[in-house]
Amino acid sequence: MNFPRIKQLTQAAVTALEMTAEALHTEVVQAQVMPFETGNLQNESTFVDYSESKQGKVTLVSSTPYARRLYYHPEYNFQTDENPFAGGEWYEPWLPGGVSQDFARNAFKRFYKKAGGV
């Protein structure tokens, strides 16, 4: 068994996972779907948590106290001056059944091939 190569591919998977999460965050921001009043929620308070990436888990976190309320109440009248598609449930297009449901899978494949030298 080629243990150095296995270790390299394992690390490539962690790197690809982290890059995929960052790409998803960028994709969501560029899609202009998050509520935007001052830009705090979208820009400073939403970030990728890598603390468990070696266990195969990364999390896209919105750390403001109002993020949950905005996300689960799409009936609110969201301002659309800065983000024309702002509304609740802004991650829905990237979840199973959404129009961009394959985004994360395809991004991970691309990043894994690059990081793993495949």
PDB file of N, CA and C in Angstrom:
ATOM      1  N   MET A   1       0.839  -1.170   0.000  1.00  0.00           N
ATOM      2  CA  MET A   1       0.000   0.000   0.000  1.00  0.00           C
ATOM      3  C   MET A   1       0.890   1.240   0.000  1.00  0.00           C
ATOM      4  N   ASN A   2       0.439   2.230  -0.726  1.00  0.00           N
ATOM      5  CA  ASN A   2       1.175   3.481  -0.843  1.00  0.00           C
ATOM      6  C   ASN A   2       0.644   4.470   0.196  1.00  0.00           C
ATOM      7  N   PHE A   3       1.120   4.341   1.434  1.00  0.00           N
ATOM      8  CA  PHE A   3       0.608   5.153   2.538  1.00  0.00           C
ATOM      9  C   PHE A   3       0.850   6.652   2.367  1.00  0.00           C
ATOM     10  N   PRO A   4       1.979   7.073   1.829  1.00  0.00           N
ATOM     11  CA  PRO A   4       2.142   8.516   1.606  1.00  0.00           C
ATOM     12  C   PRO A   4       1.099   9.077   0.635  1.00  0.00           C
ATOM     13  N   ARG A   5       0.779   8.322  -0.397  1.00  0.00           N
ATOM     14  CA  ARG A   5      -0.234   8.786  -1.364  1.00  0.00           C
ATOM     15  C   ARG A   5      -1.627   8.804  -0.721  1.00  0.00           C
ATOM     16  N   ILE A   6      -1.935   7.817   0.096  1.00  0.00           N
ATOM     17  CA  ILE A   6      -3.220   7.786   0.803  1.00  0.00           C
ATOM     18  C   ILE A   6      -3.339   8.999   1.713  1.00  0.00           C
ATOM     19  N   LYS A   7      -2.257   9.311   2.424  1.00  0.00           N
ATOM     20  CA  LYS A   7      -2.252  10.484   3.297  1.00  0.00           C
ATOM     21  C   LYS A   7      -2.435  11.764   2.484  1.00  0.00           C
ATOM     22  N   GLN A   8      -1.778  11.836   1.339  1.00  0.00           N
ATOM     23  CA  GLN A   8      -1.903  13.008   0.465  1.00  0.00           C
ATOM     24  C   GLN A   8      -3.341  13.166  -0.025  1.00  0.00           C
ATOM     25  N   LEU A   9      -3.975  12.077  -0.435  1.00  0.00           N
ATOM     26  CA  LEU A   9      -5.352  12.139  -0.922  1.00  0.00           C
ATOM     27  C   LEU A   9      -6.336  12.469   0.206  1.00  0.00           C
ATOM     28  N   THR A  10      -6.046  11.983   1.417  1.00  0.00           N
ATOM     29  CA  THR A  10      -6.885  12.317   2.566  1.00  0.00           C
ATOM     30  C   THR A  10      -6.815  13.810   2.852  1.00  0.00           C
ATOM     31  N   GLN A  11      -5.621  14.363   2.823  1.00  0.00           N
ATOM     32  CA  GLN A  11      -5.455  15.804   3.038  1.00  0.00           C
ATOM     33  C   GLN A  11      -6.088  16.587   1.897  1.00  0.00           C
ATOM     34  N   ALA A  12      -6.013  16.064   0.683  1.00  0.00           N
ATOM     35  CA  ALA A  12      -6.641  16.724  -0.463  1.00  0.00           C
ATOM     36  C   ALA A  12      -8.153  16.792  -0.283  1.00  0.00           C
ATOM     37  N   ALA A  13      -8.736  15.756   0.309  1.00  0.00           N
ATOM     38  CA  ALA A  13     -10.179  15.756   0.560  1.00  0.00           C
ATOM     39  C   ALA A  13     -10.550  16.842   1.570  1.00  0.00           C
ATOM     40  N   VAL A  14      -9.745  17.017   2.611  1.00  0.00           N
ATOM     41  CA  VAL A  14      -9.997  18.061   3.608  1.00  0.00           C
ATOM     42  C   VAL A  14      -9.882  19.433   2.962  1.00  0.00           C
ATOM     43  N   THR A  15      -8.835  19.626   2.171  1.00  0.00           N
ATOM     44  CA  THR A  15      -8.635  20.898   1.476  1.00  0.00           C
ATOM     45  C   THR A  15      -9.791  21.184   0.525  1.00  0.00           C
ATOM     46  N   ALA A  16     -10.209  20.174  -0.222  1.00  0.00           N
ATOM     47  CA  ALA A  16     -11.317  20.344  -1.168  1.00  0.00           C
ATOM     48  C   ALA A  16     -12.616  20.670  -0.451  1.00  0.00           C
ATOM     49  N   LEU A  17     -12.837  20.059   0.695  1.00  0.00           N
ATOM     50  CA  LEU A  17     -14.031  20.343   1.482  1.00  0.00           C
ATOM     51  C   LEU A  17     -14.042  21.797   1.933  1.00  0.00           C
ATOM     52  N   GLU A  18     -12.913  22.273   2.438  1.00  0.00           N
ATOM     53  CA  GLU A  18     -12.823  23.666   2.880  1.00  0.00           C
ATOM     54  C   GLU A  18     -13.007  24.630   1.708  1.00  0.00           C
ATOM     55  N   MET A  19     -12.408  24.314   0.579  1.00  0.00           N
ATOM     56  CA  MET A  19     -12.545  25.165  -0.608  1.00  0.00           C
ATOM     57  C   MET A  19     -13.979  25.166  -1.126  1.00  0.00           C
ATOM     58  N   THR A  20     -14.654  24.029  -1.030  1.00  0.00           N
ATOM     59  CA  THR A  20     -16.045  23.931  -1.462  1.00  0.00           C
ATOM     60  C   THR A  20     -16.938  24.814  -0.603  1.00  0.00           C
ATOM     61  N   ALA A  21     -16.707  24.800   0.703  1.00  0.00           N
ATOM     62  CA  ALA A  21     -17.498  25.647   1.596  1.00  0.00           C
ATOM     63  C   ALA A  21     -17.278  27.122   1.284  1.00  0.00           C
ATOM     64  N   GLU A  22     -16.043  27.516   1.039  1.00  0.00           N
ATOM     65  CA  GLU A  22     -15.758  28.909   0.677  1.00  0.00           C
ATOM     66  C   GLU A  22     -16.420  29.262  -0.656  1.00  0.00           C
ATOM     67  N   ALA A  23     -16.376  28.338  -1.605  1.00  0.00           N
ATOM     68  CA  ALA A  23     -17.006  28.579  -2.902  1.00  0.00           C
ATOM     69  C   ALA A  23     -18.521  28.733  -2.752  1.00  0.00           C
ATOM     70  N   LEU A  24     -19.124  27.931  -1.888  1.00  0.00           N
ATOM     71  CA  LEU A  24     -20.562  28.047  -1.645  1.00  0.00           C
ATOM     72  C   LEU A  24     -20.879  29.396  -1.017  1.00  0.00           C
ATOM     73  N   HIS A  25     -20.085  29.812  -0.046  1.00  0.00           N
ATOM     74  CA  HIS A  25     -20.300  31.123   0.574  1.00  0.00           C
ATOM     75  C   HIS A  25     -20.214  32.226  -0.480  1.00  0.00           C
ATOM     76  N   THR A  26     -19.211  32.163  -1.323  1.00  0.00           N
ATOM     77  CA  THR A  26     -19.054  33.156  -2.399  1.00  0.00           C
ATOM     78  C   THR A  26     -20.236  33.114  -3.349  1.00  0.00           C
ATOM     79  N   GLU A  27     -20.673  31.923  -3.684  1.00  0.00           N
ATOM     80  CA  GLU A  27     -21.807  31.748  -4.603  1.00  0.00           C
ATOM     81  C   GLU A  27     -23.078  32.377  -4.034  1.00  0.00           C
ATOM     82  N   VAL A  28     -23.326  32.168  -2.754  1.00  0.00           N
ATOM     83  CA  VAL A  28     -24.515  32.729  -2.117  1.00  0.00           C
ATOM     84  C   VAL A  28     -24.446  34.254  -2.102  1.00  0.00           C
ATOM     85  N   VAL A  29     -23.289  34.800  -1.777  1.00  0.00           N
ATOM     86  CA  VAL A  29     -23.126  36.256  -1.761  1.00  0.00           C
ATOM     87  C   VAL A  29     -23.332  36.827  -3.167  1.00  0.00           C
ATOM     88  N   GLN A  30     -22.742  36.187  -4.170  1.00  0.00           N
ATOM     89  CA  GLN A  30     -22.858  36.680  -5.542  1.00  0.00           C
ATOM     90  C   GLN A  30     -24.266  36.526  -6.096  1.00  0.00           C
ATOM     91  N   ALA A  31     -25.025  35.568  -5.590  1.00  0.00           N
ATOM     92  CA  ALA A  31     -26.409  35.387  -6.045  1.00  0.00           C
ATOM     93  C   ALA A  31     -27.326  36.474  -5.490  1.00  0.00           C
ATOM     94  N   GLN A  32     -26.845  37.235  -4.529  1.00  0.00           N
ATOM     95  CA  GLN A  32     -27.570  38.352  -3.934  1.00  0.00           C
ATOM     96  C   GLN A  32     -28.928  37.934  -3.370  1.00  0.00           C
ATOM     97  N   VAL A  33     -28.914  36.852  -2.589  1.00  0.00           N
ATOM     98  CA  VAL A  33     -30.157  36.327  -2.029  1.00  0.00           C
ATOM     99  C   VAL A  33     -30.293  36.575  -0.529  1.00  0.00           C
ATOM    100  N   MET A  34     -29.205  36.965   0.132  1.00  0.00           N
ATOM    101  CA  MET A  34     -29.264  37.208   1.578  1.00  0.00           C
ATOM    102  C   MET A  34     -29.822  38.601   1.849  1.00  0.00           C
ATOM    103  N   PRO A  35     -30.597  38.745   2.910  1.00  0.00           N
ATOM    104  CA  PRO A  35     -31.071  40.079   3.279  1.00  0.00           C
ATOM    105  C   PRO A  35     -29.883  41.014   3.496  1.00  0.00           C
ATOM    106  N   PHE A  36     -30.035  42.250   3.052  1.00  0.00           N
ATOM    107  CA  PHE A  36     -28.925  43.201   3.115  1.00  0.00           C
ATOM    108  C   PHE A  36     -29.458  44.564   3.496  1.00  0.00           C
ATOM    109  N   GLU A  37     -29.107  44.986   4.690  1.00  0.00           N
ATOM    110  CA  GLU A  37     -29.438  46.356   5.091  1.00  0.00           C
ATOM    111  C   GLU A  37     -28.134  47.129   5.279  1.00  0.00           C
ATOM    112  N   THR A  38     -27.272  46.614   6.151  1.00  0.00           N
ATOM    113  CA  THR A  38     -25.975  47.256   6.357  1.00  0.00           C
ATOM    114  C   THR A  38     -24.840  46.399   5.795  1.00  0.00           C
ATOM    115  N   GLY A  39     -25.135  45.172   5.420  1.00  0.00           N
ATOM    116  CA  GLY A  39     -24.120  44.256   4.911  1.00  0.00           C
ATOM    117  C   GLY A  39     -23.484  43.406   5.991  1.00  0.00           C
ATOM    118  N   ASN A  40     -23.861  43.615   7.234  1.00  0.00           N
ATOM    119  CA  ASN A  40     -23.262  42.876   8.338  1.00  0.00           C
ATOM    120  C   ASN A  40     -23.534  41.373   8.238  1.00  0.00           C
ATOM    121  N   LEU A  41     -24.766  40.984   8.008  1.00  0.00           N
ATOM    122  CA  LEU A  41     -25.114  39.562   7.934  1.00  0.00           C
ATOM    123  C   LEU A  41     -24.353  38.873   6.814  1.00  0.00           C
ATOM    124  N   GLN A  42     -24.359  39.452   5.660  1.00  0.00           N
ATOM    125  CA  GLN A  42     -23.745  38.831   4.487  1.00  0.00           C
ATOM    126  C   GLN A  42     -22.221  38.860   4.533  1.00  0.00           C
ATOM    127  N   ASN A  43     -21.645  39.962   4.955  1.00  0.00           N
ATOM    128  CA  ASN A  43     -20.206  40.145   4.814  1.00  0.00           C
ATOM    129  C   ASN A  43     -19.383  39.786   6.048  1.00  0.00           C
ATOM    130  N   GLU A  44     -19.716  40.329   7.196  1.00  0.00           N
ATOM    131  CA  GLU A  44     -18.895  40.081   8.381  1.00  0.00           C
ATOM    132  C   GLU A  44     -19.388  38.908   9.225  1.00  0.00           C
ATOM    133  N   SER A  45     -20.675  38.677   9.267  1.00  0.00           N
ATOM    134  CA  SER A  45     -21.232  37.711  10.210  1.00  0.00           C
ATOM    135  C   SER A  45     -21.518  36.341   9.622  1.00  0.00           C
ATOM    136  N   THR A  46     -21.272  36.147   8.353  1.00  0.00           N
ATOM    137  CA  THR A  46     -21.428  34.822   7.753  1.00  0.00           C
ATOM    138  C   THR A  46     -20.042  34.353   7.324  1.00  0.00           C
ATOM    139  N   PHE A  47     -19.665  33.179   7.819  1.00  0.00           N
ATOM    140  CA  PHE A  47     -18.316  32.671   7.578  1.00  0.00           C
ATOM    141  C   PHE A  47     -18.334  31.147   7.589  1.00  0.00           C
ATOM    142  N   VAL A  48     -17.242  30.560   7.144  1.00  0.00           N
ATOM    143  CA  VAL A  48     -17.102  29.107   7.138  1.00  0.00           C
ATOM    144  C   VAL A  48     -16.343  28.688   8.386  1.00  0.00           C
ATOM    145  N   ASP A  49     -16.911  27.743   9.121  1.00  0.00           N
ATOM    146  CA  ASP A  49     -16.281  27.179  10.313  1.00  0.00           C
ATOM    147  C   ASP A  49     -15.559  25.890   9.902  1.00  0.00           C
ATOM    148  N   TYR A  50     -14.228  25.909   9.985  1.00  0.00           N
ATOM    149  CA  TYR A  50     -13.394  24.766   9.593  1.00  0.00           C
ATOM    150  C   TYR A  50     -13.014  23.860  10.759  1.00  0.00           C
ATOM    151  N   SER A  51     -13.512  24.106  11.941  1.00  0.00           N
ATOM    152  CA  SER A  51     -13.028  23.411  13.137  1.00  0.00           C
ATOM    153  C   SER A  51     -13.153  21.885  13.057  1.00  0.00           C
ATOM    154  N   GLU A  52     -14.075  21.367  12.259  1.00  0.00           N
ATOM    155  CA  GLU A  52     -14.247  19.919  12.143  1.00  0.00           C
ATOM    156  C   GLU A  52     -13.950  19.412  10.736  1.00  0.00           C
ATOM    157  N   SER A  53     -13.176  20.152   9.981  1.00  0.00           N
ATOM    158  CA  SER A  53     -12.930  19.764   8.588  1.00  0.00           C
ATOM    159  C   SER A  53     -12.178  18.444   8.467  1.00  0.00           C
ATOM    160  N   LYS A  54     -11.314  18.136   9.418  1.00  0.00           N
ATOM    161  CA  LYS A  54     -10.587  16.854   9.367  1.00  0.00           C
ATOM    162  C   LYS A  54     -11.510  15.669   9.625  1.00  0.00           C
ATOM    163  N   GLN A  55     -12.680  15.935  10.207  1.00  0.00           N
ATOM    164  CA  GLN A  55     -13.680  14.881  10.409  1.00  0.00           C
ATOM    165  C   GLN A  55     -14.702  14.875   9.275  1.00  0.00           C
ATOM    166  N   GLY A  56     -14.493  15.693   8.250  1.00  0.00           N
ATOM    167  CA  GLY A  56     -15.378  15.716   7.092  1.00  0.00           C
ATOM    168  C   GLY A  56     -16.575  16.628   7.230  1.00  0.00           C
ATOM    169  N   LYS A  57     -16.470  17.643   8.093  1.00  0.00           N
ATOM    170  CA  LYS A  57     -17.605  18.541   8.293  1.00  0.00           C
ATOM    171  C   LYS A  57     -17.134  19.991   8.341  1.00  0.00           C
ATOM    172  N   VAL A  58     -17.752  20.813   7.528  1.00  0.00           N
ATOM    173  CA  VAL A  58     -17.578  22.260   7.605  1.00  0.00           C
ATOM    174  C   VAL A  58     -18.968  22.867   7.709  1.00  0.00           C
ATOM    175  N   THR A  59     -19.047  24.049   8.270  1.00  0.00           N
ATOM    176  CA  THR A  59     -20.342  24.674   8.500  1.00  0.00           C
ATOM    177  C   THR A  59     -20.313  26.108   8.024  1.00  0.00           C
ATOM    178  N   LEU A  60     -21.344  26.510   7.323  1.00  0.00           N
ATOM    179  CA  LEU A  60     -21.518  27.897   6.932  1.00  0.00           C
ATOM    180  C   LEU A  60     -22.363  28.545   8.020  1.00  0.00           C
ATOM    181  N   VAL A  61     -21.771  29.473   8.771  1.00  0.00           N
ATOM    182  CA  VAL A  61     -22.379  30.028   9.974  1.00  0.00           C
ATOM    183  C   VAL A  61     -22.754  31.488   9.755  1.00  0.00           C
ATOM    184  N   SER A  62     -23.970  31.838  10.153  1.00  0.00           N
ATOM    185  CA  SER A  62     -24.389  33.240  10.256  1.00  0.00           C
ATOM    186  C   SER A  62     -24.556  33.503  11.743  1.00  0.00           C
ATOM    187  N   SER A  63     -23.672  34.328  12.295  1.00  0.00           N
ATOM    188  CA  SER A  63     -23.574  34.456  13.743  1.00  0.00           C
ATOM    189  C   SER A  63     -24.411  35.581  14.356  1.00  0.00           C
ATOM    190  N   THR A  64     -25.216  36.251  13.581  1.00  0.00           N
ATOM    191  CA  THR A  64     -26.027  37.326  14.155  1.00  0.00           C
ATOM    192  C   THR A  64     -27.266  36.750  14.823  1.00  0.00           C
ATOM    193  N   PRO A  65     -27.784  37.425  15.850  1.00  0.00           N
ATOM    194  CA  PRO A  65     -28.962  36.904  16.552  1.00  0.00           C
ATOM    195  C   PRO A  65     -30.223  36.935  15.691  1.00  0.00           C
ATOM    196  N   TYR A  66     -30.252  37.735  14.663  1.00  0.00           N
ATOM    197  CA  TYR A  66     -31.453  37.859  13.836  1.00  0.00           C
ATOM    198  C   TYR A  66     -31.421  36.976  12.589  1.00  0.00           C
ATOM    199  N   ALA A  67     -30.321  36.307  12.307  1.00  0.00           N
ATOM    200  CA  ALA A  67     -30.200  35.499  11.089  1.00  0.00           C
ATOM    201  C   ALA A  67     -31.255  34.395  11.028  1.00  0.00           C
ATOM    202  N   ARG A  68     -31.460  33.685  12.117  1.00  0.00           N
ATOM    203  CA  ARG A  68     -32.449  32.599  12.158  1.00  0.00           C
ATOM    204  C   ARG A  68     -33.861  33.119  11.895  1.00  0.00           C
ATOM    205  N   ARG A  69     -34.196  34.242  12.518  1.00  0.00           N
ATOM    206  CA  ARG A  69     -35.526  34.818  12.342  1.00  0.00           C
ATOM    207  C   ARG A  69     -35.747  35.202  10.878  1.00  0.00           C
ATOM    208  N   LEU A  70     -34.757  35.818  10.255  1.00  0.00           N
ATOM    209  CA  LEU A  70     -34.892  36.218   8.848  1.00  0.00           C
ATOM    210  C   LEU A  70     -34.976  35.010   7.931  1.00  0.00           C
ATOM    211  N   TYR A  71     -34.152  33.998   8.206  1.00  0.00           N
ATOM    212  CA  TYR A  71     -34.108  32.823   7.335  1.00  0.00           C
ATOM    213  C   TYR A  71     -35.447  32.078   7.314  1.00  0.00           C
ATOM    214  N   TYR A  72     -36.027  31.877   8.475  1.00  0.00           N
ATOM    215  CA  TYR A  72     -37.242  31.066   8.569  1.00  0.00           C
ATOM    216  C   TYR A  72     -38.536  31.844   8.408  1.00  0.00           C
ATOM    217  N   HIS A  73     -38.447  33.097   8.009  1.00  0.00           N
ATOM    218  CA  HIS A  73     -39.653  33.886   7.769  1.00  0.00           C
ATOM    219  C   HIS A  73     -39.586  34.578   6.410  1.00  0.00           C
ATOM    220  N   PRO A  74     -39.803  33.801   5.347  1.00  0.00           N
ATOM    221  CA  PRO A  74     -39.736  34.387   4.001  1.00  0.00           C
ATOM    222  C   PRO A  74     -40.878  35.359   3.719  1.00  0.00           C
ATOM    223  N   GLU A  75     -41.871  35.415   4.605  1.00  0.00           N
ATOM    224  CA  GLU A  75     -42.998  36.317   4.384  1.00  0.00           C
ATOM    225  C   GLU A  75     -42.649  37.775   4.717  1.00  0.00           C
ATOM    226  N   TYR A  76     -41.497  38.001   5.374  1.00  0.00           N
ATOM    227  CA  TYR A  76     -41.090  39.380   5.674  1.00  0.00           C
ATOM    228  C   TYR A  76     -40.916  40.169   4.374  1.00  0.00           C
ATOM    229  N   ASN A  77     -41.063  41.467   4.482  1.00  0.00           N
ATOM    230  CA  ASN A  77     -40.853  42.346   3.333  1.00  0.00           C
ATOM    231  C   ASN A  77     -39.380  42.770   3.330  1.00  0.00           C
ATOM    232  N   PHE A  78     -38.548  42.042   2.590  1.00  0.00           N
ATOM    233  CA  PHE A  78     -37.115  42.284   2.568  1.00  0.00           C
ATOM    234  C   PHE A  78     -36.768  43.427   1.625  1.00  0.00           C
ATOM    235  N   GLN A  79     -35.798  44.242   2.037  1.00  0.00           N
ATOM    236  CA  GLN A  79     -35.308  45.301   1.154  1.00  0.00           C
ATOM    237  C   GLN A  79     -34.569  44.661  -0.009  1.00  0.00           C
ATOM    238  N   THR A  80     -34.764  45.199  -1.197  1.00  0.00           N
ATOM    239  CA  THR A  80     -34.098  44.644  -2.373  1.00  0.00           C
ATOM    240  C   THR A  80     -33.252  45.690  -3.090  1.00  0.00           C
ATOM    241  N   ASP A  81     -32.865  46.750  -2.373  1.00  0.00           N
ATOM    242  CA  ASP A  81     -32.023  47.780  -2.977  1.00  0.00           C
ATOM    243  C   ASP A  81     -30.630  47.231  -3.302  1.00  0.00           C
ATOM    244  N   GLU A  82     -29.979  46.633  -2.327  1.00  0.00           N
ATOM    245  CA  GLU A  82     -28.620  46.107  -2.509  1.00  0.00           C
ATOM    246  C   GLU A  82     -28.623  44.699  -3.109  1.00  0.00           C
ATOM    247  N   ASN A  83     -29.477  43.836  -2.593  1.00  0.00           N
ATOM    248  CA  ASN A  83     -29.584  42.462  -3.090  1.00  0.00           C
ATOM    249  C   ASN A  83     -30.986  42.263  -3.665  1.00  0.00           C
ATOM    250  N   PRO A  84     -31.111  42.309  -4.978  1.00  0.00           N
ATOM    251  CA  PRO A  84     -32.438  42.272  -5.593  1.00  0.00           C
ATOM    252  C   PRO A  84     -33.218  40.982  -5.352  1.00  0.00           C
ATOM    253  N   PHE A  85     -32.549  39.900  -4.990  1.00  0.00           N
ATOM    254  CA  PHE A  85     -33.241  38.623  -4.791  1.00  0.00           C
ATOM    255  C   PHE A  85     -33.321  38.250  -3.313  1.00  0.00           C
ATOM    256  N   ALA A  86     -33.139  39.231  -2.430  1.00  0.00           N
ATOM    257  CA  ALA A  86     -33.131  38.985  -0.985  1.00  0.00           C
ATOM    258  C   ALA A  86     -34.465  38.417  -0.521  1.00  0.00           C
ATOM    259  N   GLY A  87     -34.369  37.476   0.392  1.00  0.00           N
ATOM    260  CA  GLY A  87     -35.563  36.870   0.964  1.00  0.00           C
ATOM    261  C   GLY A  87     -35.170  35.845   2.001  1.00  0.00           C
ATOM    262  N   GLY A  88     -36.142  35.207   2.591  1.00  0.00           N
ATOM    263  CA  GLY A  88     -35.883  34.163   3.565  1.00  0.00           C
ATOM    264  C   GLY A  88     -35.465  32.883   2.861  1.00  0.00           C
ATOM    265  N   GLU A  89     -35.008  31.930   3.628  1.00  0.00           N
ATOM    266  CA  GLU A  89     -34.595  30.618   3.122  1.00  0.00           C
ATOM    267  C   GLU A  89     -33.622  30.750   1.944  1.00  0.00           C
ATOM    268  N   TRP A  90     -32.614  31.590   2.114  1.00  0.00           N
ATOM    269  CA  TRP A  90     -31.713  31.914   1.011  1.00  0.00           C
ATOM    270  C   TRP A  90     -30.794  30.783   0.597  1.00  0.00           C
ATOM    271  N   TYR A  91     -30.693  29.711   1.363  1.00  0.00           N
ATOM    272  CA  TYR A  91     -29.869  28.568   0.951  1.00  0.00           C
ATOM    273  C   TYR A  91     -30.651  27.524   0.145  1.00  0.00           C
ATOM    274  N   GLU A  92     -31.940  27.684   0.016  1.00  0.00           N
ATOM    275  CA  GLU A  92     -32.785  26.685  -0.647  1.00  0.00           C
ATOM    276  C   GLU A  92     -32.320  26.279  -2.046  1.00  0.00           C
ATOM    277  N   PRO A  93     -31.865  27.196  -2.896  1.00  0.00           N
ATOM    278  CA  PRO A  93     -31.438  26.762  -4.238  1.00  0.00           C
ATOM    279  C   PRO A  93     -30.280  25.758  -4.214  1.00  0.00           C
ATOM    280  N   TRP A  94     -29.482  25.738  -3.150  1.00  0.00           N
ATOM    281  CA  TRP A  94     -28.325  24.853  -3.064  1.00  0.00           C
ATOM    282  C   TRP A  94     -28.610  23.571  -2.290  1.00  0.00           C
ATOM    283  N   LEU A  95     -29.795  23.432  -1.748  1.00  0.00           N
ATOM    284  CA  LEU A  95     -30.186  22.223  -1.020  1.00  0.00           C
ATOM    285  C   LEU A  95     -30.810  21.217  -1.983  1.00  0.00           C
ATOM    286  N   PRO A  96     -30.941  19.943  -1.579  1.00  0.00           N
ATOM    287  CA  PRO A  96     -31.551  18.950  -2.461  1.00  0.00           C
ATOM    288  C   PRO A  96     -32.914  19.418  -2.974  1.00  0.00           C
ATOM    289  N   GLY A  97     -33.087  19.311  -4.285  1.00  0.00           N
ATOM    290  CA  GLY A  97     -34.317  19.753  -4.931  1.00  0.00           C
ATOM    291  C   GLY A  97     -34.241  21.165  -5.474  1.00  0.00           C
ATOM    292  N   GLY A  98     -33.203  21.897  -5.117  1.00  0.00           N
ATOM    293  CA  GLY A  98     -33.033  23.269  -5.594  1.00  0.00           C
ATOM    294  C   GLY A  98     -32.374  23.307  -6.959  1.00  0.00           C
ATOM    295  N   VAL A  99     -32.421  24.461  -7.593  1.00  0.00           N
ATOM    296  CA  VAL A  99     -31.872  24.593  -8.943  1.00  0.00           C
ATOM    297  C   VAL A  99     -30.349  24.446  -8.984  1.00  0.00           C
ATOM    298  N   SER A 100     -29.673  24.702  -7.885  1.00  0.00           N
ATOM    299  CA  SER A 100     -28.209  24.579  -7.823  1.00  0.00           C
ATOM    300  C   SER A 100     -27.779  23.459  -6.882  1.00  0.00           C
ATOM    301  N   GLN A 101     -28.590  22.428  -6.773  1.00  0.00           N
ATOM    302  CA  GLN A 101     -28.321  21.361  -5.813  1.00  0.00           C
ATOM    303  C   GLN A 101     -27.002  20.636  -6.067  1.00  0.00           C
ATOM    304  N   ASP A 102     -26.491  20.650  -7.283  1.00  0.00           N
ATOM    305  CA  ASP A 102     -25.245  19.955  -7.611  1.00  0.00           C
ATOM    306  C   ASP A 102     -24.014  20.831  -7.463  1.00  0.00           C
ATOM    307  N   PHE A 103     -24.191  22.075  -7.055  1.00  0.00           N
ATOM    308  CA  PHE A 103     -23.064  22.999  -6.971  1.00  0.00           C
ATOM    309  C   PHE A 103     -21.951  22.470  -6.069  1.00  0.00           C
ATOM    310  N   ALA A 104     -22.277  22.093  -4.848  1.00  0.00           N
ATOM    311  CA  ALA A 104     -21.262  21.645  -3.893  1.00  0.00           C
ATOM    312  C   ALA A 104     -20.589  20.360  -4.363  1.00  0.00           C
ATOM    313  N   ARG A 105     -21.337  19.425  -4.878  1.00  0.00           N
ATOM    314  CA  ARG A 105     -20.766  18.163  -5.358  1.00  0.00           C
ATOM    315  C   ARG A 105     -19.776  18.409  -6.496  1.00  0.00           C
ATOM    316  N   ASN A 106     -20.185  19.237  -7.454  1.00  0.00           N
ATOM    317  CA  ASN A 106     -19.317  19.520  -8.595  1.00  0.00           C
ATOM    318  C   ASN A 106     -18.085  20.317  -8.184  1.00  0.00           C
ATOM    319  N   ALA A 107     -18.265  21.259  -7.278  1.00  0.00           N
ATOM    320  CA  ALA A 107     -17.128  22.049  -6.799  1.00  0.00           C
ATOM    321  C   ALA A 107     -16.144  21.152  -6.057  1.00  0.00           C
ATOM    322  N   PHE A 108     -16.663  20.253  -5.210  1.00  0.00           N
ATOM    323  CA  PHE A 108     -15.781  19.349  -4.467  1.00  0.00           C
ATOM    324  C   PHE A 108     -14.982  18.476  -5.427  1.00  0.00           C
ATOM    325  N   LYS A 109     -15.617  17.930  -6.434  1.00  0.00           N
ATOM    326  CA  LYS A 109     -14.906  17.097  -7.422  1.00  0.00           C
ATOM    327  C   LYS A 109     -13.775  17.878  -8.068  1.00  0.00           C
ATOM    328  N   ARG A 110     -14.072  19.088  -8.485  1.00  0.00           N
ATOM    329  CA  ARG A 110     -13.081  19.925  -9.164  1.00  0.00           C
ATOM    330  C   ARG A 110     -11.912  20.241  -8.227  1.00  0.00           C
ATOM    331  N   PHE A 111     -12.214  20.637  -6.997  1.00  0.00           N
ATOM    332  CA  PHE A 111     -11.162  20.977  -6.037  1.00  0.00           C
ATOM    333  C   PHE A 111     -10.355  19.745  -5.608  1.00  0.00           C
ATOM    334  N   TYR A 112     -11.015  18.614  -5.470  1.00  0.00           N
ATOM    335  CA  TYR A 112     -10.326  17.392  -5.068  1.00  0.00           C
ATOM    336  C   TYR A 112      -9.336  16.937  -6.137  1.00  0.00           C
ATOM    337  N   LYS A 113      -9.766  16.991  -7.381  1.00  0.00           N
ATOM    338  CA  LYS A 113      -8.872  16.611  -8.475  1.00  0.00           C
ATOM    339  C   LYS A 113      -7.653  17.518  -8.501  1.00  0.00           C
ATOM    340  N   LYS A 114      -7.868  18.801  -8.299  1.00  0.00           N
ATOM    341  CA  LYS A 114      -6.753  19.750  -8.319  1.00  0.00           C
ATOM    342  C   LYS A 114      -5.832  19.541  -7.112  1.00  0.00           C
ATOM    343  N   ALA A 115      -6.401  19.448  -5.922  1.00  0.00           N
ATOM    344  CA  ALA A 115      -5.577  19.291  -4.707  1.00  0.00           C
ATOM    345  C   ALA A 115      -4.906  17.933  -4.626  1.00  0.00           C
ATOM    346  N   GLY A 116      -5.552  16.914  -5.172  1.00  0.00           N
ATOM    347  CA  GLY A 116      -5.006  15.562  -5.117  1.00  0.00           C
ATOM    348  C   GLY A 116      -4.073  15.213  -6.261  1.00  0.00           C
ATOM    349  N   GLY A 117      -3.977  16.108  -7.213  1.00  0.00           N
ATOM    350  CA  GLY A 117      -3.102  15.846  -8.355  1.00  0.00           C
ATOM    351  C   GLY A 117      -3.610  14.743  -9.251  1.00  0.00           C
ATOM    352  N   VAL A 118      -4.911  14.600  -9.301  1.00  0.00           N
ATOM    353  CA  VAL A 118      -5.510  13.537 -10.120  1.00  0.00           C
ATOM    354  C   VAL A 118      -5.796  14.042 -11.505  1.00  0.00           C
TER     355      VAL A 118
END
